[in-house]
């Protein structure tokens, strides 16, 4: 574990995946950033997690944010950490899934298109 990081964006090239046990969330920026960095995730279904993660393609969303099941956590983590090919496939799918929806250029273009009229 890297401990407290001040510049998380730079650090997202180092992990194999991102694990987030948030109980309450809005739109989870850390998961968006992970996906844009090509990292699969395991996360709770807090807030907008399901808007970011495409279950079984870009990561795994646990059944509960309030009381995550330790067995479900371990199974999800073990699946991604022991299968290099799956992790790479999920990571690439995560980047492809996130770029048109969440990359700054994409969001700006979509916003300008909405404001055009």
N, C-alpha and C. Protein backbone atom coordinates (compact mmCIF):
# COMPACT_ATOMS: atom_id res chain seq x y z
N UNK A 1 0.84 -1.17 0.00
CA UNK A 1 0.00 0.00 0.00
C UNK A 1 0.89 1.24 0.00
N UNK A 2 0.60 2.20 -0.84
CA UNK A 2 1.49 3.36 -0.96
C UNK A 2 1.31 4.41 0.14
N UNK A 3 0.27 4.31 0.96
CA UNK A 3 0.03 5.33 1.98
C UNK A 3 -0.63 6.55 1.37
N UNK A 4 -0.57 7.67 2.07
CA UNK A 4 -1.20 8.91 1.61
C UNK A 4 -0.46 9.43 0.38
N UNK A 5 -1.20 9.75 -0.66
CA UNK A 5 -0.63 10.26 -1.89
C UNK A 5 -1.21 11.64 -2.18
N UNK A 6 -0.37 12.58 -2.54
CA UNK A 6 -0.85 13.93 -2.84
C UNK A 6 -1.28 14.07 -4.29
N UNK A 7 -0.66 13.36 -5.20
CA UNK A 7 -0.98 13.47 -6.61
C UNK A 7 -1.41 12.09 -7.11
N UNK A 8 -2.67 11.75 -6.86
CA UNK A 8 -3.17 10.42 -7.15
C UNK A 8 -3.13 10.10 -8.64
N UNK A 9 -3.41 11.07 -9.49
CA UNK A 9 -3.42 10.82 -10.93
C UNK A 9 -2.11 10.26 -11.43
N UNK A 10 -1.03 10.76 -10.93
CA UNK A 10 0.28 10.26 -11.33
C UNK A 10 0.48 8.84 -10.82
N UNK A 11 -0.08 8.52 -9.69
CA UNK A 11 0.11 7.21 -9.06
C UNK A 11 -0.75 6.12 -9.68
N UNK A 12 -1.74 6.43 -10.48
CA UNK A 12 -2.62 5.41 -11.02
C UNK A 12 -1.97 4.53 -12.08
N UNK A 13 -0.75 4.82 -12.47
CA UNK A 13 -0.07 3.93 -13.40
C UNK A 13 0.56 2.74 -12.66
N UNK A 14 0.66 2.81 -11.35
CA UNK A 14 1.33 1.78 -10.57
C UNK A 14 0.46 0.58 -10.16
N UNK A 15 -0.80 0.77 -9.72
CA UNK A 15 -1.56 -0.40 -9.26
C UNK A 15 -2.06 -1.26 -10.41
N UNK A 16 -2.35 -2.53 -10.09
CA UNK A 16 -2.95 -3.43 -11.07
C UNK A 16 -4.44 -3.19 -11.20
N UNK A 17 -5.05 -2.68 -10.13
CA UNK A 17 -6.48 -2.45 -10.09
C UNK A 17 -6.78 -1.48 -8.95
N UNK A 18 -8.02 -1.03 -8.85
CA UNK A 18 -8.43 -0.14 -7.77
C UNK A 18 -9.58 -0.80 -7.01
N UNK A 19 -9.49 -0.71 -5.68
CA UNK A 19 -10.46 -1.30 -4.77
C UNK A 19 -11.04 -0.18 -3.93
N UNK A 20 -12.39 -0.03 -3.95
CA UNK A 20 -13.04 1.09 -3.26
C UNK A 20 -14.22 0.58 -2.44
N UNK A 21 -14.13 0.75 -1.12
CA UNK A 21 -15.19 0.29 -0.22
C UNK A 21 -16.02 1.45 0.33
N UNK A 22 -16.27 2.45 -0.48
CA UNK A 22 -17.05 3.60 -0.07
C UNK A 22 -18.47 3.21 0.31
N UNK A 23 -18.94 3.77 1.43
CA UNK A 23 -20.32 3.51 1.84
C UNK A 23 -21.28 4.51 1.21
N UNK A 24 -20.86 5.78 1.10
CA UNK A 24 -21.69 6.81 0.48
C UNK A 24 -20.83 7.55 -0.54
N UNK A 25 -21.44 7.92 -1.66
CA UNK A 25 -20.68 8.52 -2.76
C UNK A 25 -21.63 9.26 -3.67
N UNK A 26 -21.12 10.24 -4.36
CA UNK A 26 -21.85 10.87 -5.45
C UNK A 26 -21.45 10.11 -6.71
N UNK A 27 -20.87 10.81 -7.66
CA UNK A 27 -20.28 10.16 -8.83
C UNK A 27 -18.81 9.93 -8.46
N UNK A 28 -18.37 8.70 -8.35
CA UNK A 28 -17.05 8.39 -7.78
C UNK A 28 -15.88 8.74 -8.70
N UNK A 29 -15.30 9.90 -8.48
CA UNK A 29 -14.19 10.35 -9.30
C UNK A 29 -13.03 9.37 -9.32
N UNK A 30 -12.74 8.73 -8.19
CA UNK A 30 -11.61 7.81 -8.15
C UNK A 30 -11.83 6.64 -9.12
N UNK A 31 -13.05 6.20 -9.28
CA UNK A 31 -13.32 5.11 -10.21
C UNK A 31 -13.25 5.59 -11.65
N UNK A 32 -13.69 6.81 -11.89
CA UNK A 32 -13.56 7.39 -13.23
C UNK A 32 -12.07 7.51 -13.58
N UNK A 33 -11.28 8.05 -12.65
CA UNK A 33 -9.84 8.21 -12.88
C UNK A 33 -9.16 6.86 -13.09
N UNK A 34 -9.57 5.86 -12.32
CA UNK A 34 -9.01 4.52 -12.49
C UNK A 34 -9.32 3.98 -13.89
N UNK A 35 -10.56 4.11 -14.30
CA UNK A 35 -10.94 3.63 -15.63
C UNK A 35 -10.21 4.39 -16.73
N UNK A 36 -10.09 5.70 -16.60
CA UNK A 36 -9.37 6.47 -17.61
C UNK A 36 -7.90 6.06 -17.67
N UNK A 37 -7.37 5.56 -16.55
CA UNK A 37 -5.99 5.07 -16.50
C UNK A 37 -5.89 3.61 -16.94
N UNK A 38 -7.02 3.02 -17.32
CA UNK A 38 -7.02 1.64 -17.79
C UNK A 38 -6.93 0.62 -16.67
N UNK A 39 -7.50 0.94 -15.52
CA UNK A 39 -7.47 0.03 -14.37
C UNK A 39 -8.86 -0.50 -14.06
N UNK A 40 -8.99 -1.82 -13.94
CA UNK A 40 -10.27 -2.38 -13.51
C UNK A 40 -10.49 -2.07 -12.03
N UNK A 41 -11.72 -2.20 -11.59
CA UNK A 41 -12.04 -1.87 -10.19
C UNK A 41 -12.92 -2.93 -9.55
N UNK A 42 -12.84 -2.97 -8.23
CA UNK A 42 -13.80 -3.67 -7.38
C UNK A 42 -14.31 -2.60 -6.44
N UNK A 43 -15.63 -2.39 -6.41
CA UNK A 43 -16.18 -1.29 -5.64
C UNK A 43 -17.57 -1.61 -5.11
N UNK A 44 -17.96 -0.88 -4.08
CA UNK A 44 -19.32 -0.98 -3.56
C UNK A 44 -20.27 -0.23 -4.51
N UNK A 45 -21.57 -0.50 -4.41
CA UNK A 45 -22.53 0.17 -5.29
C UNK A 45 -22.96 1.55 -4.77
N UNK A 46 -22.08 2.21 -4.05
CA UNK A 46 -22.41 3.53 -3.49
C UNK A 46 -22.59 4.56 -4.60
N UNK A 47 -23.60 5.40 -4.46
CA UNK A 47 -23.83 6.51 -5.38
C UNK A 47 -23.86 6.08 -6.83
N UNK A 48 -23.04 6.74 -7.64
CA UNK A 48 -23.04 6.50 -9.08
C UNK A 48 -22.05 5.46 -9.57
N UNK A 49 -21.63 4.57 -8.69
CA UNK A 49 -20.65 3.54 -9.09
C UNK A 49 -21.10 2.76 -10.32
N UNK A 50 -22.36 2.38 -10.35
CA UNK A 50 -22.86 1.59 -11.48
C UNK A 50 -22.92 2.39 -12.78
N UNK A 51 -22.85 3.72 -12.68
CA UNK A 51 -22.77 4.55 -13.89
C UNK A 51 -21.36 4.52 -14.47
N UNK A 52 -20.39 4.21 -13.64
CA UNK A 52 -18.99 4.19 -14.07
C UNK A 52 -18.55 2.78 -14.44
N UNK A 53 -18.87 1.81 -13.61
CA UNK A 53 -18.38 0.44 -13.78
C UNK A 53 -19.38 -0.39 -14.58
N UNK A 54 -18.90 -1.02 -15.62
CA UNK A 54 -19.71 -1.95 -16.41
C UNK A 54 -19.42 -3.35 -15.84
N UNK A 55 -20.32 -3.83 -14.98
CA UNK A 55 -20.10 -5.05 -14.21
C UNK A 55 -19.70 -6.22 -15.11
N UNK A 56 -18.62 -6.88 -14.72
CA UNK A 56 -18.15 -8.05 -15.45
C UNK A 56 -17.39 -7.72 -16.71
N UNK A 57 -17.22 -6.44 -17.01
CA UNK A 57 -16.47 -6.02 -18.20
C UNK A 57 -15.35 -5.06 -17.85
N UNK A 58 -15.61 -4.15 -16.90
CA UNK A 58 -14.58 -3.18 -16.50
C UNK A 58 -14.25 -3.31 -15.02
N UNK A 59 -14.94 -4.20 -14.33
CA UNK A 59 -14.71 -4.42 -12.91
C UNK A 59 -15.89 -5.12 -12.28
N UNK A 60 -15.88 -5.14 -10.96
CA UNK A 60 -16.96 -5.79 -10.21
C UNK A 60 -17.55 -4.80 -9.22
N UNK A 61 -18.89 -4.77 -9.16
CA UNK A 61 -19.60 -3.95 -8.18
C UNK A 61 -20.18 -4.92 -7.16
N UNK A 62 -19.82 -4.71 -5.91
CA UNK A 62 -20.29 -5.57 -4.83
C UNK A 62 -21.79 -5.39 -4.62
N UNK A 63 -22.41 -6.31 -3.91
CA UNK A 63 -23.86 -6.27 -3.70
C UNK A 63 -24.30 -5.18 -2.72
N UNK A 64 -23.44 -4.82 -1.76
CA UNK A 64 -23.86 -3.87 -0.73
C UNK A 64 -22.76 -2.87 -0.42
N UNK A 65 -23.17 -1.62 -0.23
CA UNK A 65 -22.23 -0.59 0.21
C UNK A 65 -22.22 -0.51 1.74
N UNK A 66 -23.35 -0.77 2.36
CA UNK A 66 -23.46 -0.66 3.82
C UNK A 66 -22.81 -1.84 4.54
N UNK A 67 -22.99 -3.02 4.01
CA UNK A 67 -22.43 -4.22 4.64
C UNK A 67 -21.82 -5.13 3.58
N UNK A 68 -20.66 -4.75 3.03
CA UNK A 68 -20.04 -5.59 2.00
C UNK A 68 -19.71 -6.98 2.57
N UNK A 69 -19.97 -7.97 1.78
CA UNK A 69 -19.73 -9.37 2.15
C UNK A 69 -18.24 -9.69 1.97
N UNK A 70 -17.55 -10.08 3.03
CA UNK A 70 -16.12 -10.38 2.92
C UNK A 70 -15.81 -11.46 1.89
N UNK A 71 -16.67 -12.46 1.77
CA UNK A 71 -16.45 -13.51 0.78
C UNK A 71 -16.56 -12.96 -0.64
N UNK A 72 -17.54 -12.08 -0.86
CA UNK A 72 -17.70 -11.48 -2.19
C UNK A 72 -16.50 -10.59 -2.51
N UNK A 73 -16.02 -9.86 -1.52
CA UNK A 73 -14.83 -9.02 -1.72
C UNK A 73 -13.64 -9.89 -2.11
N UNK A 74 -13.39 -10.94 -1.34
CA UNK A 74 -12.24 -11.80 -1.61
C UNK A 74 -12.34 -12.48 -2.97
N UNK A 75 -13.53 -12.92 -3.33
CA UNK A 75 -13.71 -13.57 -4.63
C UNK A 75 -13.44 -12.59 -5.76
N UNK A 76 -13.97 -11.39 -5.66
CA UNK A 76 -13.78 -10.38 -6.71
C UNK A 76 -12.31 -10.00 -6.83
N UNK A 77 -11.67 -9.74 -5.69
CA UNK A 77 -10.25 -9.37 -5.71
C UNK A 77 -9.39 -10.51 -6.25
N UNK A 78 -9.64 -11.71 -5.77
CA UNK A 78 -8.86 -12.86 -6.21
C UNK A 78 -9.02 -13.11 -7.71
N UNK A 79 -10.23 -12.94 -8.20
CA UNK A 79 -10.47 -13.14 -9.64
C UNK A 79 -9.59 -12.22 -10.47
N UNK A 80 -9.57 -10.94 -10.12
CA UNK A 80 -8.78 -9.99 -10.90
C UNK A 80 -7.28 -10.11 -10.63
N UNK A 81 -6.91 -10.38 -9.41
CA UNK A 81 -5.48 -10.41 -9.08
C UNK A 81 -4.78 -11.68 -9.56
N UNK A 82 -5.52 -12.75 -9.78
CA UNK A 82 -4.88 -14.00 -10.21
C UNK A 82 -5.02 -14.27 -11.70
N UNK A 83 -5.80 -13.47 -12.38
CA UNK A 83 -6.00 -13.69 -13.82
C UNK A 83 -5.47 -12.47 -14.58
N UNK A 84 -4.21 -12.54 -14.99
CA UNK A 84 -3.57 -11.41 -15.68
C UNK A 84 -4.29 -11.02 -16.96
N UNK A 85 -4.74 -12.02 -17.72
CA UNK A 85 -5.43 -11.73 -18.98
C UNK A 85 -6.75 -11.02 -18.74
N UNK A 86 -7.52 -11.49 -17.75
CA UNK A 86 -8.79 -10.84 -17.44
C UNK A 86 -8.55 -9.41 -16.97
N UNK A 87 -7.57 -9.21 -16.10
CA UNK A 87 -7.26 -7.89 -15.58
C UNK A 87 -6.89 -6.94 -16.73
N UNK A 88 -6.10 -7.42 -17.66
CA UNK A 88 -5.71 -6.59 -18.81
C UNK A 88 -6.91 -6.29 -19.70
N UNK A 89 -7.75 -7.28 -19.93
CA UNK A 89 -8.95 -7.09 -20.75
C UNK A 89 -9.90 -6.11 -20.09
N UNK A 90 -10.15 -6.28 -18.78
CA UNK A 90 -11.01 -5.36 -18.04
C UNK A 90 -10.43 -3.95 -18.06
N UNK A 91 -9.12 -3.84 -17.89
CA UNK A 91 -8.48 -2.52 -17.87
C UNK A 91 -8.64 -1.79 -19.19
N UNK A 92 -8.41 -2.49 -20.28
CA UNK A 92 -8.57 -1.87 -21.60
C UNK A 92 -10.04 -1.51 -21.85
N UNK A 93 -10.95 -2.41 -21.47
CA UNK A 93 -12.38 -2.12 -21.61
C UNK A 93 -12.77 -0.92 -20.76
N UNK A 94 -12.16 -0.80 -19.57
CA UNK A 94 -12.46 0.33 -18.68
C UNK A 94 -12.08 1.65 -19.35
N UNK A 95 -10.89 1.68 -19.94
CA UNK A 95 -10.43 2.91 -20.61
C UNK A 95 -11.35 3.25 -21.79
N UNK A 96 -11.66 2.27 -22.60
CA UNK A 96 -12.52 2.48 -23.77
C UNK A 96 -13.92 2.92 -23.33
N UNK A 97 -14.42 2.34 -22.25
CA UNK A 97 -15.75 2.67 -21.72
C UNK A 97 -15.78 4.09 -21.15
N UNK A 98 -14.71 4.50 -20.48
CA UNK A 98 -14.69 5.78 -19.76
C UNK A 98 -14.37 6.99 -20.64
N UNK A 99 -13.51 6.82 -21.62
CA UNK A 99 -13.05 7.99 -22.39
C UNK A 99 -14.18 8.80 -23.01
N UNK A 100 -15.09 8.21 -23.74
CA UNK A 100 -16.15 9.04 -24.35
C UNK A 100 -17.14 9.62 -23.35
N UNK A 101 -17.21 9.03 -22.17
CA UNK A 101 -18.17 9.48 -21.17
C UNK A 101 -17.59 10.46 -20.17
N UNK A 102 -16.29 10.31 -19.83
CA UNK A 102 -15.75 11.07 -18.71
C UNK A 102 -14.47 11.85 -18.98
N UNK A 103 -13.79 11.63 -20.10
CA UNK A 103 -12.57 12.40 -20.37
C UNK A 103 -12.94 13.88 -20.53
N UNK A 104 -12.05 14.75 -20.09
CA UNK A 104 -12.34 16.19 -20.08
C UNK A 104 -12.77 16.69 -21.46
N UNK A 105 -12.06 16.31 -22.49
CA UNK A 105 -12.41 16.77 -23.85
C UNK A 105 -13.81 16.30 -24.25
N UNK A 106 -14.14 15.07 -23.91
CA UNK A 106 -15.46 14.54 -24.24
C UNK A 106 -16.57 15.25 -23.48
N UNK A 107 -16.36 15.45 -22.19
CA UNK A 107 -17.36 16.13 -21.36
C UNK A 107 -17.54 17.57 -21.82
N UNK A 108 -16.44 18.24 -22.14
CA UNK A 108 -16.52 19.61 -22.62
C UNK A 108 -17.29 19.68 -23.94
N UNK A 109 -16.99 18.80 -24.87
CA UNK A 109 -17.68 18.78 -26.15
C UNK A 109 -19.17 18.52 -25.97
N UNK A 110 -19.51 17.57 -25.10
CA UNK A 110 -20.92 17.28 -24.84
C UNK A 110 -21.63 18.46 -24.20
N UNK A 111 -20.94 19.14 -23.28
CA UNK A 111 -21.53 20.31 -22.63
C UNK A 111 -21.76 21.42 -23.63
N UNK A 112 -20.78 21.69 -24.47
CA UNK A 112 -20.93 22.75 -25.47
C UNK A 112 -22.06 22.42 -26.45
N UNK A 113 -22.20 21.15 -26.79
CA UNK A 113 -23.28 20.73 -27.69
C UNK A 113 -24.64 20.99 -27.05
N UNK A 114 -24.76 20.71 -25.75
CA UNK A 114 -26.02 20.95 -25.03
C UNK A 114 -26.33 22.44 -24.94
N UNK A 115 -25.31 23.25 -24.81
CA UNK A 115 -25.51 24.70 -24.66
C UNK A 115 -25.65 25.41 -26.01
N UNK A 116 -25.44 24.73 -27.08
CA UNK A 116 -25.46 25.31 -28.42
C UNK A 116 -26.81 25.95 -28.76
N UNK A 117 -27.88 25.30 -28.37
CA UNK A 117 -29.23 25.79 -28.75
C UNK A 117 -29.65 26.98 -27.97
